[in-house]
């Protein structure tokens, strides 16, 4: 029997069974199915704990006076949605005036923190001078001091300056936060020194290197600082409560506290006020989220 006949008599090889798509992470490491399922279960649990209360408040604010908000099992979807509760909030307290005062303080706080933290962070990270490490240590130690421990000194200072019962007095203590300065410092530290050295050789001074090279490379951290500054000023309650005494200058958090104290039994009204207070934070994060999630590789320079 010839070799050709022997090869022809062999049965054709059966193809290997096709495998399903391989699940891998960002580093190419294989992920088991049960690991992926566990991750999504944990993410859904965290989502329920964080977003669930807000959705419940939103649902409560849209329910009419005839709907039972304490029925069991609870219903998230209102049977007859209405915006009447938001109108009642505006009729009960000057909520839009309070929101405008909070917006003024929060917007000014964003500007002062972004400018001040960027300048201080660049000086701590890129400039060479005596006492730089000591200055960095001061900012670190400032984060360890609780706000309640220095609030009396802050109030005395504002009173001596004649700024109590003013929105400027509300703004000044948080104008430049230590955390934001350290965030900007770390972002500037990640920038390659060779880029600035090349600009220095070309004749760029320190301001040109800061504005044209360093600052455009840390937009993500600036967005983080802006979000933190806005949230801190918008949600602050204790310090405006101490400084302000004129109702026309109250911020939104103080105004909503009066709403809750007067109408503690009307959960729909309180829920509507809560949604009004949270809505600007959601809008701000939605606008800056693509910068916010730049994360660890903030200081990298892309070619």
Foldseek 3Di string as FASTA:
>chain_A
DDPVVVVVPDDDDDDDDDDDDFDADPVRHTDDPVRVVVVVVVVVVVCCVPCVVLLLLVQLLQEDPVDDQPDPPGDSHHPHGDNVLLVVLVVVFVLVLQAVLLVVLLVQLLVLALVVLLVLLCCLAPNDDPCSVVVLVVLVVVVVDDCVVCLVVLLVVCVVVVNFQHSVSLRPVSSHHSVLNVLNNVLQNLADPVVVVVVVVVPDDPVCCSPPPRVVLQVLSSLVSSLVSSVCSLPDDPNQVVRHDDVSNHHNVVSLVVVCVVPVVSSNNSSSSVCVSCVVSVVSCVVNVVSNPPPDNSNDDDD
